[in-house]
PDB file of all heavy atoms in Angstrom:
ATOM      1  N   SER A   1    -148.092  -5.001 -66.619  1.00  0.00           N
ATOM      2  CA  SER A   1    -147.902  -6.431 -66.416  1.00  0.00           C
ATOM      3  C   SER A   1    -148.660  -6.807 -65.140  1.00  0.00           C
ATOM      4  O   SER A   1    -148.476  -6.223 -64.104  1.00  0.00           O
ATOM      5  CB  SER A   1    -146.406  -6.745 -66.238  1.00  0.00           C
ATOM      6  OG  SER A   1    -146.233  -8.063 -65.784  1.00  0.00           O
ATOM      7  N   VAL A   2    -149.538  -7.793 -65.288  1.00  0.00           N
ATOM      8  CA  VAL A   2    -150.366  -8.236 -64.158  1.00  0.00           C
ATOM      9  C   VAL A   2    -149.886  -9.619 -63.701  1.00  0.00           C
ATOM     10  O   VAL A   2    -149.804 -10.523 -64.521  1.00  0.00           O
ATOM     11  CB  VAL A   2    -151.855  -8.255 -64.524  1.00  0.00           C
ATOM     12  CG1 VAL A   2    -152.676  -8.907 -63.405  1.00  0.00           C
ATOM     13  CG2 VAL A   2    -152.344  -6.835 -64.782  1.00  0.00           C
ATOM     14  N   VAL A   3    -149.598  -9.740 -62.399  1.00  0.00           N
ATOM     15  CA  VAL A   3    -149.108 -10.991 -61.863  1.00  0.00           C
ATOM     16  C   VAL A   3    -150.068 -11.452 -60.760  1.00  0.00           C
ATOM     17  O   VAL A   3    -150.371 -10.708 -59.845  1.00  0.00           O
ATOM     18  CB  VAL A   3    -147.697 -10.843 -61.303  1.00  0.00           C
ATOM     19  CG1 VAL A   3    -147.194 -12.176 -60.715  1.00  0.00           C
ATOM     20  CG2 VAL A   3    -146.749 -10.331 -62.337  1.00  0.00           C
ATOM     21  N   ASP A   4    -150.536 -12.711 -60.869  1.00  0.00           N
ATOM     22  CA  ASP A   4    -151.298 -13.308 -59.769  1.00  0.00           C
ATOM     23  C   ASP A   4    -150.803 -14.720 -59.564  1.00  0.00           C
ATOM     24  O   ASP A   4    -149.777 -15.120 -60.126  1.00  0.00           O
ATOM     25  CB  ASP A   4    -152.815 -13.271 -60.051  1.00  0.00           C
ATOM     26  CG  ASP A   4    -153.212 -13.988 -61.344  1.00  0.00           C
ATOM     27  OD1 ASP A   4    -152.408 -14.812 -61.806  1.00  0.00           O
ATOM     28  OD2 ASP A   4    -154.322 -13.727 -61.845  1.00  0.00           O
ATOM     29  N   GLY A   5    -151.472 -15.511 -58.762  1.00  0.00           N
ATOM     30  CA  GLY A   5    -151.005 -16.856 -58.486  1.00  0.00           C
ATOM     31  C   GLY A   5    -151.054 -17.791 -59.656  1.00  0.00           C
ATOM     32  O   GLY A   5    -150.369 -18.801 -59.715  1.00  0.00           O
ATOM     33  N   VAL A   6    -151.924 -17.471 -60.654  1.00  0.00           N
ATOM     34  CA  VAL A   6    -152.061 -18.328 -61.821  1.00  0.00           C
ATOM     35  C   VAL A   6    -150.982 -18.030 -62.837  1.00  0.00           C
ATOM     36  O   VAL A   6    -150.450 -18.926 -63.499  1.00  0.00           O
ATOM     37  CB  VAL A   6    -153.473 -18.160 -62.435  1.00  0.00           C
ATOM     38  CG1 VAL A   6    -153.614 -18.996 -63.698  1.00  0.00           C
ATOM     39  CG2 VAL A   6    -154.528 -18.566 -61.415  1.00  0.00           C
ATOM     40  N   GLY A   7    -150.641 -16.747 -63.030  1.00  0.00           N
ATOM     41  CA  GLY A   7    -149.641 -16.425 -64.012  1.00  0.00           C
ATOM     42  C   GLY A   7    -149.341 -14.949 -64.130  1.00  0.00           C
ATOM     43  O   GLY A   7    -149.865 -14.125 -63.363  1.00  0.00           O
ATOM     44  N   GLN A   8    -148.510 -14.623 -65.092  1.00  0.00           N
ATOM     45  CA  GLN A   8    -148.191 -13.225 -65.421  1.00  0.00           C
ATOM     46  C   GLN A   8    -148.722 -12.926 -66.801  1.00  0.00           C
ATOM     47  O   GLN A   8    -148.555 -13.716 -67.743  1.00  0.00           O
ATOM     48  CB  GLN A   8    -146.683 -12.990 -65.407  1.00  0.00           C
ATOM     49  CG  GLN A   8    -146.311 -11.546 -65.812  1.00  0.00           C
ATOM     50  CD  GLN A   8    -144.800 -11.327 -65.820  1.00  0.00           C
ATOM     51  OE1 GLN A   8    -144.023 -12.285 -65.845  1.00  0.00           O
ATOM     52  NE2 GLN A   8    -144.377 -10.082 -65.810  1.00  0.00           N
ATOM     53  N   TYR A   9    -149.419 -11.805 -66.934  1.00  0.00           N
ATOM     54  CA  TYR A   9    -150.050 -11.405 -68.179  1.00  0.00           C
ATOM     55  C   TYR A   9    -149.394 -10.111 -68.647  1.00  0.00           C
ATOM     56  O   TYR A   9    -149.260  -9.158 -67.898  1.00  0.00           O
ATOM     57  CB  TYR A   9    -151.546 -11.186 -67.957  1.00  0.00           C
ATOM     58  CG  TYR A   9    -152.233 -12.354 -67.302  1.00  0.00           C
ATOM     59  CD1 TYR A   9    -152.207 -12.495 -65.925  1.00  0.00           C
ATOM     60  CD2 TYR A   9    -152.904 -13.323 -68.036  1.00  0.00           C
ATOM     61  CE1 TYR A   9    -152.824 -13.564 -65.286  1.00  0.00           C
ATOM     62  CE2 TYR A   9    -153.501 -14.400 -67.422  1.00  0.00           C
ATOM     63  CZ  TYR A   9    -153.476 -14.516 -66.034  1.00  0.00           C
ATOM     64  OH  TYR A   9    -154.064 -15.585 -65.422  1.00  0.00           O
ATOM     65  N   LEU A  10    -148.970 -10.108 -69.922  1.00  0.00           N
ATOM     66  CA  LEU A  10    -148.225  -8.967 -70.445  1.00  0.00           C
ATOM     67  C   LEU A  10    -148.745  -8.616 -71.829  1.00  0.00           C
ATOM     68  O   LEU A  10    -148.791  -9.469 -72.715  1.00  0.00           O
ATOM     69  CB  LEU A  10    -146.735  -9.318 -70.534  1.00  0.00           C
ATOM     70  CG  LEU A  10    -145.744  -8.187 -70.854  1.00  0.00           C
ATOM     71  CD1 LEU A  10    -145.661  -7.251 -69.665  1.00  0.00           C
ATOM     72  CD2 LEU A  10    -144.365  -8.779 -71.153  1.00  0.00           C
ATOM     73  N   PRO A  11    -149.181  -7.354 -72.062  1.00  0.00           N
ATOM     74  CA  PRO A  11    -149.699  -6.968 -73.378  1.00  0.00           C
ATOM     75  C   PRO A  11    -148.585  -6.960 -74.423  1.00  0.00           C
ATOM     76  O   PRO A  11    -147.451  -6.576 -74.138  1.00  0.00           O
ATOM     77  CB  PRO A  11    -150.270  -5.584 -73.145  1.00  0.00           C
ATOM     78  CG  PRO A  11    -149.520  -5.041 -71.991  1.00  0.00           C
ATOM     79  CD  PRO A  11    -149.210  -6.212 -71.104  1.00  0.00           C
ATOM     80  N   GLN A  12    -148.919  -7.408 -75.641  1.00  0.00           N
ATOM     81  CA  GLN A  12    -147.986  -7.390 -76.745  1.00  0.00           C
ATOM     82  C   GLN A  12    -148.722  -6.949 -78.001  1.00  0.00           C
ATOM     83  O   GLN A  12    -149.930  -7.120 -78.122  1.00  0.00           O
ATOM     84  CB  GLN A  12    -147.389  -8.783 -76.982  1.00  0.00           C
ATOM     85  CG  GLN A  12    -146.445  -9.266 -75.906  1.00  0.00           C
ATOM     86  CD  GLN A  12    -145.801 -10.593 -76.273  1.00  0.00           C
ATOM     87  OE1 GLN A  12    -146.257 -11.313 -77.156  1.00  0.00           O
ATOM     88  NE2 GLN A  12    -144.692 -10.921 -75.617  1.00  0.00           N
ATOM     89  N   ILE A  13    -147.940  -6.351 -78.936  1.00  0.00           N
ATOM     90  CA  ILE A  13    -148.520  -5.925 -80.209  1.00  0.00           C
ATOM     91  C   ILE A  13    -147.869  -6.739 -81.314  1.00  0.00           C
ATOM     92  O   ILE A  13    -146.650  -6.846 -81.411  1.00  0.00           O
ATOM     93  CB  ILE A  13    -148.259  -4.416 -80.453  1.00  0.00           C
ATOM     94  CG1 ILE A  13    -149.011  -3.579 -79.423  1.00  0.00           C
ATOM     95  CG2 ILE A  13    -148.677  -4.022 -81.876  1.00  0.00           C
ATOM     96  CD1 ILE A  13    -148.718  -2.101 -79.478  1.00  0.00           C
ATOM     97  N   LYS A  14    -148.727  -7.380 -82.145  1.00  0.00           N
ATOM     98  CA  LYS A  14    -148.235  -8.173 -83.267  1.00  0.00           C
ATOM     99  C   LYS A  14    -148.461  -7.423 -84.546  1.00  0.00           C
ATOM    100  O   LYS A  14    -149.440  -6.683 -84.689  1.00  0.00           O
ATOM    101  CB  LYS A  14    -148.946  -9.520 -83.307  1.00  0.00           C
ATOM    102  CG  LYS A  14    -148.515 -10.471 -82.195  1.00  0.00           C
ATOM    103  CD  LYS A  14    -149.081 -11.858 -82.459  1.00  0.00           C
ATOM    104  CE  LYS A  14    -148.533 -12.870 -81.431  1.00  0.00           C
ATOM    105  NZ  LYS A  14    -149.037 -14.241 -81.695  1.00  0.00           N
ATOM    106  N   GLY A  15    -147.589  -7.654 -85.523  1.00  0.00           N
ATOM    107  CA  GLY A  15    -147.703  -6.980 -86.804  1.00  0.00           C
ATOM    108  C   GLY A  15    -146.514  -6.107 -87.090  1.00  0.00           C
ATOM    109  O   GLY A  15    -145.773  -5.694 -86.182  1.00  0.00           O
ATOM    110  N   VAL A  16    -146.291  -5.810 -88.368  1.00  0.00           N
ATOM    111  CA  VAL A  16    -145.143  -5.008 -88.793  1.00  0.00           C
ATOM    112  C   VAL A  16    -145.558  -3.589 -89.129  1.00  0.00           C
ATOM    113  O   VAL A  16    -146.555  -3.383 -89.795  1.00  0.00           O
ATOM    114  CB  VAL A  16    -144.467  -5.670 -90.026  1.00  0.00           C
ATOM    115  CG1 VAL A  16    -143.301  -4.817 -90.538  1.00  0.00           C
ATOM    116  CG2 VAL A  16    -144.003  -7.084 -89.680  1.00  0.00           C
ATOM    117  N   PHE A  17    -144.766  -2.636 -88.676  1.00  0.00           N
ATOM    118  CA  PHE A  17    -144.969  -1.213 -89.008  1.00  0.00           C
ATOM    119  C   PHE A  17    -143.921  -0.849 -90.056  1.00  0.00           C
ATOM    120  O   PHE A  17    -142.711  -1.019 -89.833  1.00  0.00           O
ATOM    121  CB  PHE A  17    -144.798  -0.328 -87.755  1.00  0.00           C
ATOM    122  CG  PHE A  17    -145.867  -0.541 -86.728  1.00  0.00           C
ATOM    123  CD1 PHE A  17    -145.856  -1.619 -85.880  1.00  0.00           C
ATOM    124  CD2 PHE A  17    -146.906   0.386 -86.610  1.00  0.00           C
ATOM    125  CE1 PHE A  17    -146.843  -1.820 -84.923  1.00  0.00           C
ATOM    126  CE2 PHE A  17    -147.913   0.203 -85.640  1.00  0.00           C
ATOM    127  CZ  PHE A  17    -147.869  -0.906 -84.811  1.00  0.00           C
ATOM    128  N   ALA A  18    -144.386  -0.379 -91.211  1.00  0.00           N
ATOM    129  CA  ALA A  18    -143.472  -0.108 -92.320  1.00  0.00           C
ATOM    130  C   ALA A  18    -142.485   0.980 -91.991  1.00  0.00           C
ATOM    131  O   ALA A  18    -141.324   0.971 -92.455  1.00  0.00           O
ATOM    132  CB  ALA A  18    -144.264   0.255 -93.588  1.00  0.00           C
ATOM    133  N   LYS A  19    -142.896   1.953 -91.221  1.00  0.00           N
ATOM    134  CA  LYS A  19    -141.970   3.040 -90.810  1.00  0.00           C
ATOM    135  C   LYS A  19    -142.365   3.528 -89.422  1.00  0.00           C
ATOM    136  O   LYS A  19    -143.463   3.272 -88.925  1.00  0.00           O
ATOM    137  CB  LYS A  19    -142.010   4.207 -91.814  1.00  0.00           C
ATOM    138  CG  LYS A  19    -143.379   4.732 -92.136  1.00  0.00           C
ATOM    139  CD  LYS A  19    -143.261   5.800 -93.235  1.00  0.00           C
ATOM    140  CE  LYS A  19    -144.637   6.418 -93.584  1.00  0.00           C
ATOM    141  NZ  LYS A  19    -145.547   5.396 -94.150  1.00  0.00           N
ATOM    142  N   ALA A  20    -141.459   4.232 -88.788  1.00  0.00           N
ATOM    143  CA  ALA A  20    -141.625   4.604 -87.385  1.00  0.00           C
ATOM    144  C   ALA A  20    -142.780   5.540 -87.147  1.00  0.00           C
ATOM    145  O   ALA A  20    -143.254   5.693 -86.010  1.00  0.00           O
ATOM    146  CB  ALA A  20    -140.339   5.244 -86.856  1.00  0.00           C
ATOM    147  N   THR A  21    -143.286   6.189 -88.184  1.00  0.00           N
ATOM    148  CA  THR A  21    -144.404   7.138 -88.016  1.00  0.00           C
ATOM    149  C   THR A  21    -145.759   6.499 -88.276  1.00  0.00           C
ATOM    150  O   THR A  21    -146.785   7.167 -88.173  1.00  0.00           O
ATOM    151  CB  THR A  21    -144.210   8.341 -88.985  1.00  0.00           C
ATOM    152  OG1 THR A  21    -144.083   7.838 -90.332  1.00  0.00           O
ATOM    153  CG2 THR A  21    -142.988   9.135 -88.616  1.00  0.00           C
ATOM    154  N   ASP A  22    -145.774   5.219 -88.614  1.00  0.00           N
ATOM    155  CA  ASP A  22    -147.047   4.534 -88.897  1.00  0.00           C
ATOM    156  C   ASP A  22    -147.880   4.398 -87.612  1.00  0.00           C
ATOM    157  O   ASP A  22    -147.345   4.080 -86.551  1.00  0.00           O
ATOM    158  CB  ASP A  22    -146.776   3.120 -89.452  1.00  0.00           C
ATOM    159  CG  ASP A  22    -146.429   3.149 -90.926  1.00  0.00           C
ATOM    160  OD1 ASP A  22    -146.394   4.269 -91.506  1.00  0.00           O
ATOM    161  OD2 ASP A  22    -146.173   2.076 -91.484  1.00  0.00           O
ATOM    162  N   PRO A  23    -149.191   4.642 -87.737  1.00  0.00           N
ATOM    163  CA  PRO A  23    -150.064   4.438 -86.590  1.00  0.00           C
ATOM    164  C   PRO A  23    -150.465   2.962 -86.479  1.00  0.00           C
ATOM    165  O   PRO A  23    -150.226   2.165 -87.390  1.00  0.00           O
ATOM    166  CB  PRO A  23    -151.292   5.284 -86.929  1.00  0.00           C
ATOM    167  CG  PRO A  23    -151.350   5.224 -88.426  1.00  0.00           C
ATOM    168  CD  PRO A  23    -149.908   5.192 -88.891  1.00  0.00           C
ATOM    169  N   PHE A  24    -151.039   2.602 -85.358  1.00  0.00           N
ATOM    170  CA  PHE A  24    -151.570   1.258 -85.168  1.00  0.00           C
ATOM    171  C   PHE A  24    -152.786   1.074 -86.079  1.00  0.00           C
ATOM    172  O   PHE A  24    -153.692   1.876 -86.077  1.00  0.00           O
ATOM    173  CB  PHE A  24    -151.972   1.040 -83.712  1.00  0.00           C
ATOM    174  CG  PHE A  24    -152.540  -0.332 -83.404  1.00  0.00           C
ATOM    175  CD1 PHE A  24    -151.712  -1.361 -83.014  1.00  0.00           C
ATOM    176  CD2 PHE A  24    -153.895  -0.559 -83.529  1.00  0.00           C
ATOM    177  CE1 PHE A  24    -152.221  -2.615 -82.723  1.00  0.00           C
ATOM    178  CE2 PHE A  24    -154.412  -1.814 -83.258  1.00  0.00           C
ATOM    179  CZ  PHE A  24    -153.579  -2.843 -82.846  1.00  0.00           C
ATOM    180  N   ASP A  25    -152.762  -0.001 -86.878  1.00  0.00           N
ATOM    181  CA  ASP A  25    -153.857  -0.258 -87.822  1.00  0.00           C
ATOM    182  C   ASP A  25    -154.469  -1.627 -87.469  1.00  0.00           C
ATOM    183  O   ASP A  25    -153.795  -2.648 -87.651  1.00  0.00           O
ATOM    184  CB  ASP A  25    -153.330  -0.270 -89.248  1.00  0.00           C
ATOM    185  CG  ASP A  25    -154.416  -0.478 -90.296  1.00  0.00           C
ATOM    186  OD1 ASP A  25    -155.565  -0.782 -89.909  1.00  0.00           O
ATOM    187  OD2 ASP A  25    -154.127  -0.370 -91.497  1.00  0.00           O
ATOM    188  N   PRO A  26    -155.725  -1.697 -86.965  1.00  0.00           N
ATOM    189  CA  PRO A  26    -156.330  -2.966 -86.592  1.00  0.00           C
ATOM    190  C   PRO A  26    -156.386  -3.977 -87.728  1.00  0.00           C
ATOM    191  O   PRO A  26    -156.492  -5.183 -87.481  1.00  0.00           O
ATOM    192  CB  PRO A  26    -157.728  -2.577 -86.158  1.00  0.00           C
ATOM    193  CG  PRO A  26    -157.624  -1.130 -85.747  1.00  0.00           C
ATOM    194  CD  PRO A  26    -156.595  -0.546 -86.671  1.00  0.00           C
TER     195      PRO A  26
END
């Protein structure tokens, strides 16, 4: 999480994983 005077930036992952063993698929 990066915080500066303009704002806070936080990475997030969007999309559904069918099961817990699924890899990230672009």
